[in-house]
């Protein structure tokens, strides 16, 4: 399978590191008596998510803070809709008062993107060598899922993750539409991707859901 995209060279250094770590994790599974690249992919994904958890936590807390002040923001936007300058000033005062920053969630995401893209390019055309790349019901991690279970899981976990990240009672119409379109799109493109790459996406979503649940739980405890 050919290497996708024109940006693969940009992420080549990260791809090389990911390849070395993935092969090392495969050797670990081999030492444990369960040689499996599928298990190695899962372990690598969990390892990455644990390493970037501080950034993920900051991003989640920022999003939660912005959701909390959504009703106040809507009131200000409605009240000063004919005076954009005053509206921006009032919004900035609200952000300062509540300790929220609409841009604070972007930096953690931008820092994580090179890692995620490096993992994407690593798994899209990974050379499994002489090892049998089968895993569970998958005859080959380098081919698409023949029973479409992973594409379904990629769509389902993407939907659940998005639902957890938004306050459903306050989500606007555009956000609700995206919560439907994005999982469908992810599921559709997963039909064309190697199973190893989709396994990574599903594992990443599951770990993200667990981390988000844990972060929300800790925040609720602190608030109480």
N, C-alpha and C. Protein backbone atom coordinates (compact mmCIF):
# COMPACT_ATOMS: atom_id res chain seq x y z
N UNK A 1 0.85 -1.19 0.00
CA UNK A 1 0.00 0.00 0.00
C UNK A 1 0.88 1.23 0.00
N UNK A 2 0.57 2.22 -0.86
CA UNK A 2 1.43 3.38 -1.02
C UNK A 2 1.29 4.32 0.18
N UNK A 3 2.37 5.08 0.41
CA UNK A 3 2.38 6.06 1.49
C UNK A 3 1.42 7.19 1.16
N UNK A 4 0.51 7.58 2.07
CA UNK A 4 -0.49 8.60 1.76
C UNK A 4 0.05 10.00 1.97
N UNK A 5 -0.50 10.94 1.20
CA UNK A 5 -0.27 12.34 1.48
C UNK A 5 1.09 12.85 1.06
N UNK A 6 1.20 14.18 0.99
CA UNK A 6 2.44 14.82 0.59
C UNK A 6 3.24 15.27 1.81
N UNK A 7 2.69 15.07 3.01
CA UNK A 7 3.35 15.54 4.22
C UNK A 7 4.10 14.44 4.95
N UNK A 8 4.20 13.26 4.33
CA UNK A 8 4.85 12.14 5.01
C UNK A 8 6.30 12.44 5.35
N UNK A 9 6.98 13.22 4.48
CA UNK A 9 8.39 13.56 4.74
C UNK A 9 8.53 14.43 5.99
N UNK A 10 7.54 15.29 6.24
CA UNK A 10 7.59 16.18 7.40
C UNK A 10 7.59 15.37 8.69
N UNK A 11 6.78 14.31 8.70
CA UNK A 11 6.64 13.50 9.91
C UNK A 11 7.55 12.28 9.91
N UNK A 12 8.47 12.24 8.94
CA UNK A 12 9.36 11.09 8.82
C UNK A 12 10.19 10.81 10.08
N UNK A 13 10.77 11.85 10.75
CA UNK A 13 11.54 11.56 11.97
C UNK A 13 10.69 10.90 13.06
N UNK A 14 9.45 11.40 13.23
CA UNK A 14 8.55 10.81 14.23
C UNK A 14 8.16 9.40 13.81
N UNK A 15 7.95 9.22 12.51
CA UNK A 15 7.58 7.90 11.99
C UNK A 15 8.68 6.88 12.28
N UNK A 16 9.94 7.30 12.12
CA UNK A 16 11.06 6.38 12.38
C UNK A 16 11.10 5.98 13.85
N UNK A 17 10.88 6.96 14.75
CA UNK A 17 10.88 6.66 16.19
C UNK A 17 9.74 5.71 16.53
N UNK A 18 8.55 5.98 15.97
CA UNK A 18 7.39 5.13 16.22
C UNK A 18 7.64 3.70 15.73
N UNK A 19 8.29 3.58 14.60
CA UNK A 19 8.58 2.26 14.04
C UNK A 19 9.50 1.47 14.97
N UNK A 20 10.53 2.15 15.48
CA UNK A 20 11.47 1.49 16.40
C UNK A 20 10.74 1.04 17.67
N UNK A 21 9.91 1.93 18.23
CA UNK A 21 9.19 1.60 19.47
C UNK A 21 8.19 0.48 19.22
N UNK A 22 7.51 0.52 18.07
CA UNK A 22 6.52 -0.52 17.76
C UNK A 22 7.20 -1.88 17.63
N UNK A 23 8.33 -1.91 16.96
CA UNK A 23 9.07 -3.18 16.83
C UNK A 23 9.57 -3.66 18.20
N UNK A 24 9.99 -2.72 19.06
CA UNK A 24 10.44 -3.09 20.40
C UNK A 24 9.29 -3.69 21.21
N UNK A 25 8.10 -3.11 21.08
CA UNK A 25 6.93 -3.64 21.79
C UNK A 25 6.52 -5.01 21.24
N UNK A 26 6.70 -5.18 19.92
CA UNK A 26 6.43 -6.51 19.35
C UNK A 26 7.40 -7.54 19.93
N UNK A 27 8.67 -7.15 20.04
CA UNK A 27 9.66 -8.06 20.64
C UNK A 27 9.29 -8.39 22.08
N UNK A 28 8.71 -7.40 22.78
CA UNK A 28 8.26 -7.64 24.16
C UNK A 28 7.15 -8.69 24.19
N UNK A 29 6.18 -8.55 23.27
CA UNK A 29 5.10 -9.54 23.23
C UNK A 29 5.63 -10.93 22.86
N UNK A 30 6.66 -10.92 22.03
CA UNK A 30 7.29 -12.18 21.64
C UNK A 30 7.98 -12.83 22.85
N UNK A 31 8.65 -12.01 23.65
CA UNK A 31 9.30 -12.50 24.87
C UNK A 31 8.28 -13.06 25.86
N UNK A 32 7.11 -12.43 25.91
CA UNK A 32 6.05 -12.87 26.81
C UNK A 32 5.30 -14.09 26.28
N UNK A 33 5.65 -14.53 25.08
CA UNK A 33 5.03 -15.72 24.51
C UNK A 33 3.76 -15.47 23.74
N UNK A 34 3.43 -14.20 23.50
CA UNK A 34 2.23 -13.87 22.73
C UNK A 34 2.61 -12.90 21.60
N UNK A 35 3.44 -13.33 20.66
CA UNK A 35 3.88 -12.41 19.60
C UNK A 35 2.71 -11.86 18.79
N UNK A 36 2.55 -10.55 18.82
CA UNK A 36 1.40 -9.95 18.14
C UNK A 36 1.66 -8.48 17.87
N UNK A 37 1.61 -8.10 16.59
CA UNK A 37 1.73 -6.69 16.25
C UNK A 37 0.45 -5.94 16.64
N UNK A 38 -0.67 -6.64 16.64
CA UNK A 38 -1.91 -6.01 17.08
C UNK A 38 -1.81 -5.57 18.53
N UNK A 39 -1.30 -6.45 19.38
CA UNK A 39 -1.10 -6.12 20.79
C UNK A 39 -0.06 -5.01 20.93
N UNK A 40 0.97 -5.04 20.10
CA UNK A 40 2.00 -4.00 20.14
C UNK A 40 1.42 -2.64 19.78
N UNK A 41 0.53 -2.60 18.80
CA UNK A 41 -0.13 -1.34 18.42
C UNK A 41 -0.96 -0.80 19.57
N UNK A 42 -1.69 -1.69 20.25
CA UNK A 42 -2.52 -1.28 21.39
C UNK A 42 -1.64 -0.73 22.51
N UNK A 43 -0.53 -1.42 22.81
CA UNK A 43 0.38 -0.98 23.86
C UNK A 43 1.01 0.37 23.53
N UNK A 44 1.41 0.55 22.26
CA UNK A 44 2.02 1.81 21.84
C UNK A 44 1.02 2.96 21.95
N UNK A 45 -0.22 2.71 21.54
CA UNK A 45 -1.26 3.74 21.61
C UNK A 45 -1.52 4.15 23.05
N UNK A 46 -1.62 3.16 23.95
CA UNK A 46 -1.84 3.45 25.38
C UNK A 46 -0.66 4.24 25.94
N UNK A 47 0.55 3.85 25.55
CA UNK A 47 1.76 4.54 26.02
C UNK A 47 1.76 6.00 25.60
N UNK A 48 1.41 6.25 24.34
CA UNK A 48 1.37 7.62 23.82
C UNK A 48 0.33 8.44 24.57
N UNK A 49 -0.86 7.88 24.77
CA UNK A 49 -1.94 8.60 25.45
C UNK A 49 -1.59 8.90 26.90
N UNK A 50 -0.86 8.00 27.54
CA UNK A 50 -0.43 8.25 28.92
C UNK A 50 0.59 9.40 28.96
N UNK A 51 1.51 9.39 28.00
CA UNK A 51 2.56 10.43 27.96
C UNK A 51 1.98 11.82 27.71
N UNK A 52 0.94 11.89 26.88
CA UNK A 52 0.37 13.20 26.55
C UNK A 52 -0.84 13.54 27.41
N UNK A 53 -1.10 12.73 28.44
CA UNK A 53 -2.28 12.96 29.29
C UNK A 53 -2.29 14.35 29.93
N UNK A 54 -1.15 14.86 30.44
CA UNK A 54 -1.18 16.22 31.00
C UNK A 54 -1.72 17.26 30.01
N UNK A 55 -1.35 17.11 28.73
CA UNK A 55 -1.87 18.02 27.70
C UNK A 55 -3.35 17.77 27.46
N UNK A 56 -3.73 16.49 27.42
CA UNK A 56 -5.13 16.13 27.21
C UNK A 56 -6.00 16.68 28.34
N UNK A 57 -5.50 16.56 29.57
CA UNK A 57 -6.25 17.05 30.73
C UNK A 57 -6.46 18.56 30.65
N UNK A 58 -5.41 19.27 30.28
CA UNK A 58 -5.51 20.73 30.15
C UNK A 58 -6.53 21.11 29.07
N UNK A 59 -6.52 20.38 27.98
CA UNK A 59 -7.45 20.64 26.88
C UNK A 59 -8.88 20.38 27.32
N UNK A 60 -9.11 19.27 28.02
CA UNK A 60 -10.46 18.91 28.48
C UNK A 60 -10.98 19.93 29.50
N UNK A 61 -10.12 20.36 30.41
CA UNK A 61 -10.53 21.33 31.42
C UNK A 61 -10.87 22.66 30.78
N UNK A 62 -10.11 23.04 29.75
CA UNK A 62 -10.39 24.29 29.04
C UNK A 62 -11.74 24.22 28.33
N UNK A 63 -12.02 23.10 27.70
CA UNK A 63 -13.29 22.94 27.01
C UNK A 63 -14.46 22.95 27.99
N UNK A 64 -14.25 22.33 29.16
CA UNK A 64 -15.30 22.29 30.17
C UNK A 64 -15.58 23.69 30.71
N UNK A 65 -14.51 24.49 30.90
CA UNK A 65 -14.67 25.86 31.38
C UNK A 65 -15.45 26.70 30.37
N UNK A 66 -15.16 26.50 29.08
CA UNK A 66 -15.87 27.25 28.04
C UNK A 66 -17.33 26.84 27.96
N UNK A 67 -17.61 25.55 28.15
CA UNK A 67 -18.99 25.08 28.14
C UNK A 67 -19.79 25.67 29.30
N UNK A 68 -19.12 25.82 30.43
CA UNK A 68 -19.77 26.32 31.64
C UNK A 68 -20.29 27.74 31.45
N UNK A 69 -19.54 28.56 30.69
CA UNK A 69 -19.93 29.96 30.53
C UNK A 69 -20.69 30.22 29.24
N UNK A 70 -21.05 29.16 28.52
CA UNK A 70 -21.80 29.32 27.27
C UNK A 70 -23.09 30.13 27.45
N UNK A 71 -23.91 29.86 28.48
CA UNK A 71 -25.15 30.65 28.65
C UNK A 71 -24.87 32.14 28.82
N UNK A 72 -23.83 32.48 29.60
CA UNK A 72 -23.49 33.89 29.81
C UNK A 72 -22.97 34.52 28.52
N UNK A 73 -22.22 33.74 27.74
CA UNK A 73 -21.70 34.24 26.47
C UNK A 73 -22.85 34.55 25.51
N UNK A 74 -23.83 33.66 25.47
CA UNK A 74 -24.98 33.86 24.57
C UNK A 74 -25.75 35.13 24.94
N UNK A 75 -25.89 35.38 26.26
CA UNK A 75 -26.59 36.59 26.71
C UNK A 75 -25.85 37.85 26.28
N UNK A 76 -24.53 37.83 26.44
CA UNK A 76 -23.73 38.98 26.04
C UNK A 76 -23.76 39.20 24.53
N UNK A 77 -23.69 38.11 23.78
CA UNK A 77 -23.71 38.21 22.32
C UNK A 77 -25.05 38.76 21.82
N UNK A 78 -26.12 38.37 22.50
CA UNK A 78 -27.45 38.87 22.13
C UNK A 78 -27.61 40.33 22.53
N UNK A 79 -27.13 40.66 23.72
CA UNK A 79 -27.29 42.02 24.26
C UNK A 79 -26.50 43.04 23.46
N UNK A 80 -25.28 42.66 23.03
CA UNK A 80 -24.41 43.61 22.35
C UNK A 80 -24.20 43.25 20.88
N UNK A 81 -25.16 42.59 20.28
CA UNK A 81 -24.99 42.15 18.89
C UNK A 81 -24.83 43.32 17.92
N UNK A 82 -25.32 44.50 18.30
CA UNK A 82 -25.19 45.66 17.42
C UNK A 82 -23.95 46.48 17.71
N UNK A 83 -23.17 46.01 18.69
CA UNK A 83 -21.94 46.72 19.05
C UNK A 83 -20.83 45.70 19.28
N UNK A 84 -20.23 45.21 18.20
CA UNK A 84 -19.21 44.13 18.30
C UNK A 84 -18.04 44.48 19.20
N UNK A 85 -17.63 45.74 19.20
CA UNK A 85 -16.47 46.14 20.01
C UNK A 85 -16.76 45.97 21.50
N UNK A 86 -17.92 46.44 21.93
CA UNK A 86 -18.32 46.30 23.33
C UNK A 86 -18.53 44.83 23.67
N UNK A 87 -19.10 44.08 22.72
CA UNK A 87 -19.34 42.67 22.96
C UNK A 87 -18.03 41.92 23.22
N UNK A 88 -17.00 42.21 22.41
CA UNK A 88 -15.70 41.57 22.60
C UNK A 88 -15.10 41.95 23.95
N UNK A 89 -15.28 43.21 24.34
CA UNK A 89 -14.76 43.67 25.63
C UNK A 89 -15.45 42.94 26.78
N UNK A 90 -16.77 42.79 26.69
CA UNK A 90 -17.54 42.10 27.74
C UNK A 90 -17.19 40.61 27.79
N UNK A 91 -16.95 40.02 26.63
CA UNK A 91 -16.57 38.61 26.59
C UNK A 91 -15.21 38.40 27.25
N UNK A 92 -14.27 39.31 26.97
CA UNK A 92 -12.95 39.21 27.58
C UNK A 92 -13.03 39.36 29.10
N UNK A 93 -13.91 40.25 29.57
CA UNK A 93 -14.12 40.42 31.01
C UNK A 93 -14.69 39.14 31.62
N UNK A 94 -15.58 38.49 30.87
CA UNK A 94 -16.18 37.23 31.35
C UNK A 94 -15.12 36.13 31.43
N UNK A 95 -14.27 36.06 30.39
CA UNK A 95 -13.20 35.05 30.40
C UNK A 95 -12.28 35.23 31.61
N UNK A 96 -11.92 36.49 31.87
CA UNK A 96 -11.03 36.77 33.00
C UNK A 96 -11.70 36.44 34.34
N UNK A 97 -12.96 36.78 34.44
CA UNK A 97 -13.69 36.55 35.69
C UNK A 97 -13.82 35.06 35.99
N UNK A 98 -14.10 34.26 34.96
CA UNK A 98 -14.33 32.83 35.14
C UNK A 98 -13.07 31.99 34.95
N UNK A 99 -11.96 32.64 34.58
CA UNK A 99 -10.71 31.90 34.38
C UNK A 99 -10.74 31.01 33.16
N UNK A 100 -11.48 31.42 32.14
CA UNK A 100 -11.59 30.64 30.90
C UNK A 100 -10.81 31.33 29.79
N UNK A 101 -10.30 30.51 28.87
CA UNK A 101 -9.55 31.04 27.73
C UNK A 101 -9.90 30.21 26.50
N UNK A 102 -10.56 30.82 25.51
CA UNK A 102 -10.97 30.06 24.33
C UNK A 102 -9.81 29.47 23.53
N UNK A 103 -8.60 30.00 23.74
CA UNK A 103 -7.44 29.52 22.99
C UNK A 103 -6.61 28.50 23.77
N UNK A 104 -6.89 28.35 25.07
CA UNK A 104 -6.04 27.48 25.89
C UNK A 104 -6.16 26.01 25.52
N UNK A 105 -7.27 25.64 24.88
CA UNK A 105 -7.43 24.24 24.48
C UNK A 105 -6.75 23.92 23.16
N UNK A 106 -6.32 24.96 22.43
CA UNK A 106 -5.73 24.74 21.11
C UNK A 106 -4.27 24.29 21.20
N UNK A 107 -3.51 24.89 22.13
CA UNK A 107 -2.08 24.58 22.22
C UNK A 107 -1.83 23.10 22.51
N UNK A 108 -2.50 22.52 23.52
CA UNK A 108 -2.29 21.07 23.76
C UNK A 108 -2.60 20.24 22.52
N UNK A 109 -3.65 20.62 21.79
CA UNK A 109 -4.02 19.87 20.59
C UNK A 109 -2.95 19.99 19.51
N UNK A 110 -2.39 21.20 19.35
CA UNK A 110 -1.36 21.41 18.35
C UNK A 110 -0.08 20.63 18.68
N UNK A 111 0.23 20.54 19.99
CA UNK A 111 1.42 19.80 20.40
C UNK A 111 1.26 18.30 20.13
N UNK A 112 0.03 17.81 20.30
CA UNK A 112 -0.22 16.38 20.11
C UNK A 112 -0.30 15.98 18.64
N UNK A 113 -0.64 16.92 17.77
CA UNK A 113 -0.88 16.60 16.37
C UNK A 113 0.31 15.93 15.68
N UNK A 114 1.56 16.42 15.86
CA UNK A 114 2.69 15.74 15.20
C UNK A 114 2.82 14.27 15.63
N UNK A 115 2.54 13.99 16.91
CA UNK A 115 2.61 12.61 17.40
C UNK A 115 1.54 11.76 16.73
N UNK A 116 0.33 12.29 16.67
CA UNK A 116 -0.78 11.55 16.07
C UNK A 116 -0.55 11.32 14.58
N UNK A 117 -0.04 12.35 13.89
CA UNK A 117 0.21 12.21 12.46
C UNK A 117 1.37 11.25 12.21
N UNK A 118 2.40 11.29 13.09
CA UNK A 118 3.51 10.36 12.95
C UNK A 118 3.04 8.92 13.09
N UNK A 119 2.12 8.70 14.03
CA UNK A 119 1.56 7.36 14.23
C UNK A 119 0.74 6.94 13.01
N UNK A 120 0.02 7.89 12.45
CA UNK A 120 -0.80 7.62 11.26
C UNK A 120 0.08 7.13 10.10
N UNK A 121 1.14 7.87 9.81
CA UNK A 121 2.01 7.50 8.70
C UNK A 121 2.79 6.22 8.99
N UNK A 122 3.08 5.98 10.26
CA UNK A 122 3.77 4.74 10.63
C UNK A 122 2.93 3.52 10.30
N UNK A 123 1.65 3.58 10.66
CA UNK A 123 0.79 2.40 10.54
C UNK A 123 0.14 2.25 9.17
N UNK A 124 0.08 3.36 8.41
CA UNK A 124 -0.61 3.27 7.12
C UNK A 124 0.07 2.26 6.20
N UNK A 125 1.38 2.27 6.19
CA UNK A 125 2.10 1.34 5.29
C UNK A 125 3.22 0.63 6.04
N UNK A 126 2.93 0.22 7.27
CA UNK A 126 3.95 -0.41 8.11
C UNK A 126 4.39 -1.75 7.51
N UNK A 127 5.71 -1.99 7.55
CA UNK A 127 6.27 -3.24 7.05
C UNK A 127 6.36 -4.24 8.20
N UNK A 128 5.47 -5.21 8.20
CA UNK A 128 5.44 -6.19 9.29
C UNK A 128 6.50 -7.27 9.12
N UNK A 129 7.26 -7.21 8.06
CA UNK A 129 8.34 -8.17 7.85
C UNK A 129 7.81 -9.59 7.70
N UNK A 130 8.52 -10.54 8.29
CA UNK A 130 8.11 -11.94 8.18
C UNK A 130 7.08 -12.35 9.21
N UNK A 131 6.75 -11.43 10.15
CA UNK A 131 5.79 -11.77 11.19
C UNK A 131 4.39 -11.84 10.61
N UNK A 132 3.61 -12.78 11.11
CA UNK A 132 2.22 -12.90 10.68
C UNK A 132 1.43 -11.73 11.25
N UNK A 133 0.91 -10.83 10.39
CA UNK A 133 0.25 -9.62 10.90
C UNK A 133 -1.22 -9.85 11.25
N UNK A 134 -1.61 -11.07 11.55
CA UNK A 134 -3.00 -11.33 11.92
C UNK A 134 -3.23 -10.95 13.38
N UNK A 135 -4.50 -10.66 13.72
CA UNK A 135 -4.84 -10.29 15.10
C UNK A 135 -6.32 -10.52 15.32
N UNK A 136 -6.63 -11.35 16.33
CA UNK A 136 -8.02 -11.71 16.64
C UNK A 136 -8.72 -12.18 15.36
N UNK A 137 -9.80 -11.51 14.94
CA UNK A 137 -10.53 -11.94 13.75
C UNK A 137 -9.90 -11.40 12.46
N UNK A 138 -8.87 -10.57 12.57
CA UNK A 138 -8.27 -9.92 11.41
C UNK A 138 -7.22 -10.83 10.77
N UNK A 139 -7.40 -11.23 9.52
CA UNK A 139 -6.40 -12.06 8.86
C UNK A 139 -5.09 -11.33 8.60
N UNK A 140 -5.17 -9.98 8.46
CA UNK A 140 -3.97 -9.19 8.22
C UNK A 140 -4.18 -7.75 8.67
N UNK A 141 -3.26 -7.24 9.48
CA UNK A 141 -3.33 -5.85 9.93
C UNK A 141 -3.00 -4.87 8.82
N UNK A 142 -2.39 -5.36 7.75
CA UNK A 142 -2.02 -4.49 6.64
C UNK A 142 -3.15 -4.37 5.60
N UNK A 143 -4.23 -5.13 5.81
CA UNK A 143 -5.38 -5.07 4.90
C UNK A 143 -6.59 -4.54 5.66
N UNK A 144 -7.67 -4.26 4.93
CA UNK A 144 -8.88 -3.75 5.57
C UNK A 144 -9.59 -4.86 6.35
N UNK A 145 -10.40 -4.46 7.30
CA UNK A 145 -11.15 -5.40 8.12
C UNK A 145 -12.22 -6.08 7.25
N UNK A 146 -12.18 -7.40 7.09
CA UNK A 146 -13.13 -8.07 6.19
C UNK A 146 -14.57 -8.09 6.71
N UNK A 147 -14.77 -7.96 8.02
CA UNK A 147 -16.15 -7.99 8.55
C UNK A 147 -16.61 -6.61 9.03
N UNK A 148 -15.80 -5.58 8.79
CA UNK A 148 -16.15 -4.18 9.06
C UNK A 148 -16.40 -3.89 10.55
N UNK A 149 -15.88 -4.73 11.42
CA UNK A 149 -16.08 -4.50 12.86
C UNK A 149 -15.30 -3.27 13.33
N UNK A 150 -14.03 -3.14 12.90
CA UNK A 150 -13.22 -2.00 13.31
C UNK A 150 -13.76 -0.67 12.78
N UNK A 151 -14.17 -0.58 11.51
CA UNK A 151 -14.79 0.68 11.05
C UNK A 151 -16.02 1.06 11.87
N UNK A 152 -16.83 0.05 12.23
CA UNK A 152 -18.00 0.35 13.07
C UNK A 152 -17.56 0.88 14.43
N UNK A 153 -16.55 0.23 15.03
CA UNK A 153 -16.06 0.66 16.34
C UNK A 153 -15.42 2.05 16.25
N UNK A 154 -14.76 2.35 15.14
CA UNK A 154 -14.14 3.67 14.99
C UNK A 154 -15.21 4.75 14.96
N UNK A 155 -16.33 4.48 14.28
CA UNK A 155 -17.43 5.44 14.23
C UNK A 155 -18.11 5.56 15.60
N UNK A 156 -18.36 4.42 16.26
CA UNK A 156 -19.06 4.41 17.54
C UNK A 156 -18.24 5.10 18.64
N UNK A 157 -16.95 4.81 18.69
CA UNK A 157 -16.11 5.42 19.73
C UNK A 157 -15.88 6.91 19.47
N UNK A 158 -15.82 7.30 18.19
CA UNK A 158 -15.70 8.72 17.85
C UNK A 158 -16.95 9.47 18.30
N UNK A 159 -18.12 8.88 18.06
CA UNK A 159 -19.38 9.50 18.49
C UNK A 159 -19.42 9.64 20.01
N UNK A 160 -19.06 8.58 20.74
CA UNK A 160 -19.10 8.61 22.20
C UNK A 160 -18.13 9.64 22.75
N UNK A 161 -16.94 9.70 22.15
CA UNK A 161 -15.94 10.67 22.61
C UNK A 161 -16.45 12.09 22.41
N UNK A 162 -17.04 12.37 21.23
CA UNK A 162 -17.56 13.71 20.97
C UNK A 162 -18.70 14.05 21.92
N UNK A 163 -19.54 13.08 22.20
CA UNK A 163 -20.68 13.30 23.09
C UNK A 163 -20.21 13.64 24.50
N UNK A 164 -19.16 12.97 24.94
CA UNK A 164 -18.61 13.24 26.27
C UNK A 164 -17.94 14.61 26.33
N UNK A 165 -17.41 15.07 25.22
CA UNK A 165 -16.69 16.34 25.19
C UNK A 165 -17.62 17.54 25.08
N UNK A 166 -18.90 17.29 24.80
CA UNK A 166 -19.84 18.40 24.66
C UNK A 166 -20.96 18.25 25.67
N UNK A 167 -21.49 19.36 26.09
CA UNK A 167 -22.65 19.36 26.97
C UNK A 167 -23.88 19.28 26.09
N UNK A 168 -24.50 18.10 26.05
CA UNK A 168 -25.60 17.86 25.10
C UNK A 168 -26.76 18.82 25.30
N UNK A 169 -26.96 19.29 26.52
CA UNK A 169 -28.09 20.17 26.79
C UNK A 169 -27.84 21.59 26.26
N UNK A 170 -26.56 21.93 26.02
CA UNK A 170 -26.23 23.27 25.56
C UNK A 170 -25.60 23.29 24.17
N UNK A 171 -25.41 22.12 23.60
CA UNK A 171 -24.77 22.04 22.29
C UNK A 171 -25.64 22.72 21.24
N UNK A 172 -25.02 23.56 20.40
CA UNK A 172 -25.79 24.22 19.36
C UNK A 172 -26.04 23.27 18.20
N UNK A 173 -26.84 23.73 17.26
CA UNK A 173 -27.24 22.88 16.15
C UNK A 173 -26.05 22.42 15.32
N UNK A 174 -25.10 23.33 15.10
CA UNK A 174 -23.92 22.99 14.30
C UNK A 174 -23.12 21.88 14.96
N UNK A 175 -22.95 21.96 16.29
CA UNK A 175 -22.20 20.95 17.02
C UNK A 175 -22.91 19.60 16.96
N UNK A 176 -24.23 19.62 17.06
CA UNK A 176 -24.99 18.37 17.00
C UNK A 176 -24.87 17.71 15.64
N UNK A 177 -24.86 18.53 14.60
CA UNK A 177 -24.70 17.99 13.24
C UNK A 177 -23.31 17.36 13.09
N UNK A 178 -22.27 18.04 13.63
CA UNK A 178 -20.91 17.52 13.55
C UNK A 178 -20.78 16.21 14.33
N UNK A 179 -21.54 16.07 15.42
CA UNK A 179 -21.49 14.85 16.22
C UNK A 179 -22.03 13.65 15.44
N UNK A 180 -22.80 13.94 14.40
CA UNK A 180 -23.33 12.88 13.55
C UNK A 180 -22.44 12.67 12.32
N UNK A 181 -22.05 13.78 11.69
CA UNK A 181 -21.28 13.70 10.45
C UNK A 181 -19.89 13.13 10.68
N UNK A 182 -19.19 13.60 11.74
CA UNK A 182 -17.81 13.18 11.96
C UNK A 182 -17.68 11.67 12.17
N UNK A 183 -18.49 11.04 13.05
CA UNK A 183 -18.38 9.58 13.20
C UNK A 183 -18.66 8.82 11.91
N UNK A 184 -19.64 9.31 11.14
CA UNK A 184 -19.96 8.65 9.86
C UNK A 184 -18.76 8.76 8.91
N UNK A 185 -18.14 9.93 8.86
CA UNK A 185 -16.98 10.14 7.99
C UNK A 185 -15.81 9.25 8.43
N UNK A 186 -15.54 9.21 9.75
CA UNK A 186 -14.46 8.38 10.26
C UNK A 186 -14.71 6.91 9.95
N UNK A 187 -15.95 6.46 10.14
CA UNK A 187 -16.30 5.08 9.84
C UNK A 187 -16.11 4.77 8.36
N UNK A 188 -16.48 5.72 7.51
CA UNK A 188 -16.38 5.51 6.06
C UNK A 188 -14.92 5.40 5.60
N UNK A 189 -14.07 6.32 6.06
CA UNK A 189 -12.68 6.25 5.63
C UNK A 189 -11.97 5.04 6.26
N UNK A 190 -12.47 4.58 7.40
CA UNK A 190 -11.88 3.40 8.04
C UNK A 190 -12.09 2.14 7.20
N UNK A 191 -13.11 2.16 6.35
CA UNK A 191 -13.35 1.02 5.46
C UNK A 191 -12.21 0.85 4.46
N UNK A 192 -11.46 1.94 4.22
CA UNK A 192 -10.40 1.91 3.21
C UNK A 192 -9.00 1.83 3.80
N UNK A 193 -8.90 1.98 5.12
CA UNK A 193 -7.59 1.99 5.78
C UNK A 193 -7.18 0.61 6.24
N UNK A 194 -5.87 0.36 6.35
CA UNK A 194 -5.39 -0.92 6.90
C UNK A 194 -5.93 -1.11 8.32
N UNK A 195 -6.22 -2.35 8.66
CA UNK A 195 -6.81 -2.65 9.97
C UNK A 195 -5.93 -2.19 11.12
N UNK A 196 -4.60 -2.24 10.94
CA UNK A 196 -3.69 -1.81 12.00
C UNK A 196 -3.88 -0.34 12.34
N UNK A 197 -4.10 0.48 11.33
CA UNK A 197 -4.32 1.91 11.55
C UNK A 197 -5.66 2.16 12.25
N UNK A 198 -6.69 1.44 11.84
CA UNK A 198 -8.01 1.61 12.46
C UNK A 198 -7.99 1.09 13.90
N UNK A 199 -7.22 0.02 14.15
CA UNK A 199 -7.07 -0.49 15.51
C UNK A 199 -6.46 0.59 16.40
N UNK A 200 -5.49 1.30 15.87
CA UNK A 200 -4.88 2.41 16.61
C UNK A 200 -5.91 3.48 16.93
N UNK A 201 -6.74 3.85 15.95
CA UNK A 201 -7.74 4.90 16.14
C UNK A 201 -8.77 4.49 17.20
N UNK A 202 -9.23 3.25 17.13
CA UNK A 202 -10.22 2.77 18.10
C UNK A 202 -9.62 2.74 19.50
N UNK A 203 -8.39 2.24 19.62
CA UNK A 203 -7.73 2.20 20.93
C UNK A 203 -7.53 3.60 21.48
N UNK A 204 -7.12 4.53 20.62
CA UNK A 204 -6.92 5.91 21.04
C UNK A 204 -8.22 6.52 21.56
N UNK A 205 -9.32 6.26 20.86
CA UNK A 205 -10.62 6.77 21.30
C UNK A 205 -11.02 6.21 22.65
N UNK A 206 -10.83 4.90 22.82
CA UNK A 206 -11.22 4.26 24.07
C UNK A 206 -10.42 4.83 25.24
N UNK A 207 -9.09 4.98 25.04
CA UNK A 207 -8.25 5.55 26.10
C UNK A 207 -8.65 7.00 26.37
N UNK A 208 -8.97 7.74 25.31
CA UNK A 208 -9.40 9.13 25.47
C UNK A 208 -10.70 9.21 26.27
N UNK A 209 -11.62 8.30 26.01
CA UNK A 209 -12.89 8.27 26.74
C UNK A 209 -12.65 8.00 28.22
N UNK A 210 -11.75 7.04 28.50
CA UNK A 210 -11.42 6.72 29.89
C UNK A 210 -10.75 7.91 30.58
N UNK A 211 -9.82 8.56 29.89
CA UNK A 211 -9.13 9.72 30.46
C UNK A 211 -10.10 10.86 30.71
N UNK A 212 -11.04 11.04 29.79
CA UNK A 212 -12.00 12.12 29.96
C UNK A 212 -12.93 11.85 31.13
N UNK A 213 -13.37 10.58 31.25
CA UNK A 213 -14.21 10.21 32.39
C UNK A 213 -13.46 10.45 33.70
N UNK A 214 -12.18 10.09 33.74
CA UNK A 214 -11.38 10.25 34.95
C UNK A 214 -11.18 11.74 35.27
N UNK A 215 -10.89 12.54 34.25
CA UNK A 215 -10.70 13.98 34.45
C UNK A 215 -11.96 14.63 34.98
N UNK A 216 -13.10 14.29 34.39
CA UNK A 216 -14.39 14.84 34.84
C UNK A 216 -14.68 14.43 36.29
N UNK A 217 -14.34 13.19 36.60
CA UNK A 217 -14.56 12.68 37.95
C UNK A 217 -13.72 13.44 38.97
N UNK A 218 -12.46 13.68 38.63
CA UNK A 218 -11.57 14.42 39.52
C UNK A 218 -12.02 15.86 39.69
N UNK A 219 -12.46 16.48 38.59
CA UNK A 219 -12.93 17.86 38.64
C UNK A 219 -14.19 17.98 39.50
N UNK A 220 -15.09 17.00 39.37
CA UNK A 220 -16.32 17.02 40.16
C UNK A 220 -16.01 16.86 41.65
N UNK A 221 -15.01 16.03 41.96
CA UNK A 221 -14.59 15.85 43.35
C UNK A 221 -14.05 17.16 43.94
N UNK A 222 -13.21 17.85 43.13
CA UNK A 222 -12.63 19.11 43.59
C UNK A 222 -13.70 20.17 43.77
N UNK A 223 -14.68 20.17 42.87
CA UNK A 223 -15.78 21.15 42.98
C UNK A 223 -16.63 20.88 44.21
N UNK A 224 -16.82 19.59 44.53
CA UNK A 224 -17.60 19.23 45.71
C UNK A 224 -16.88 19.60 46.99
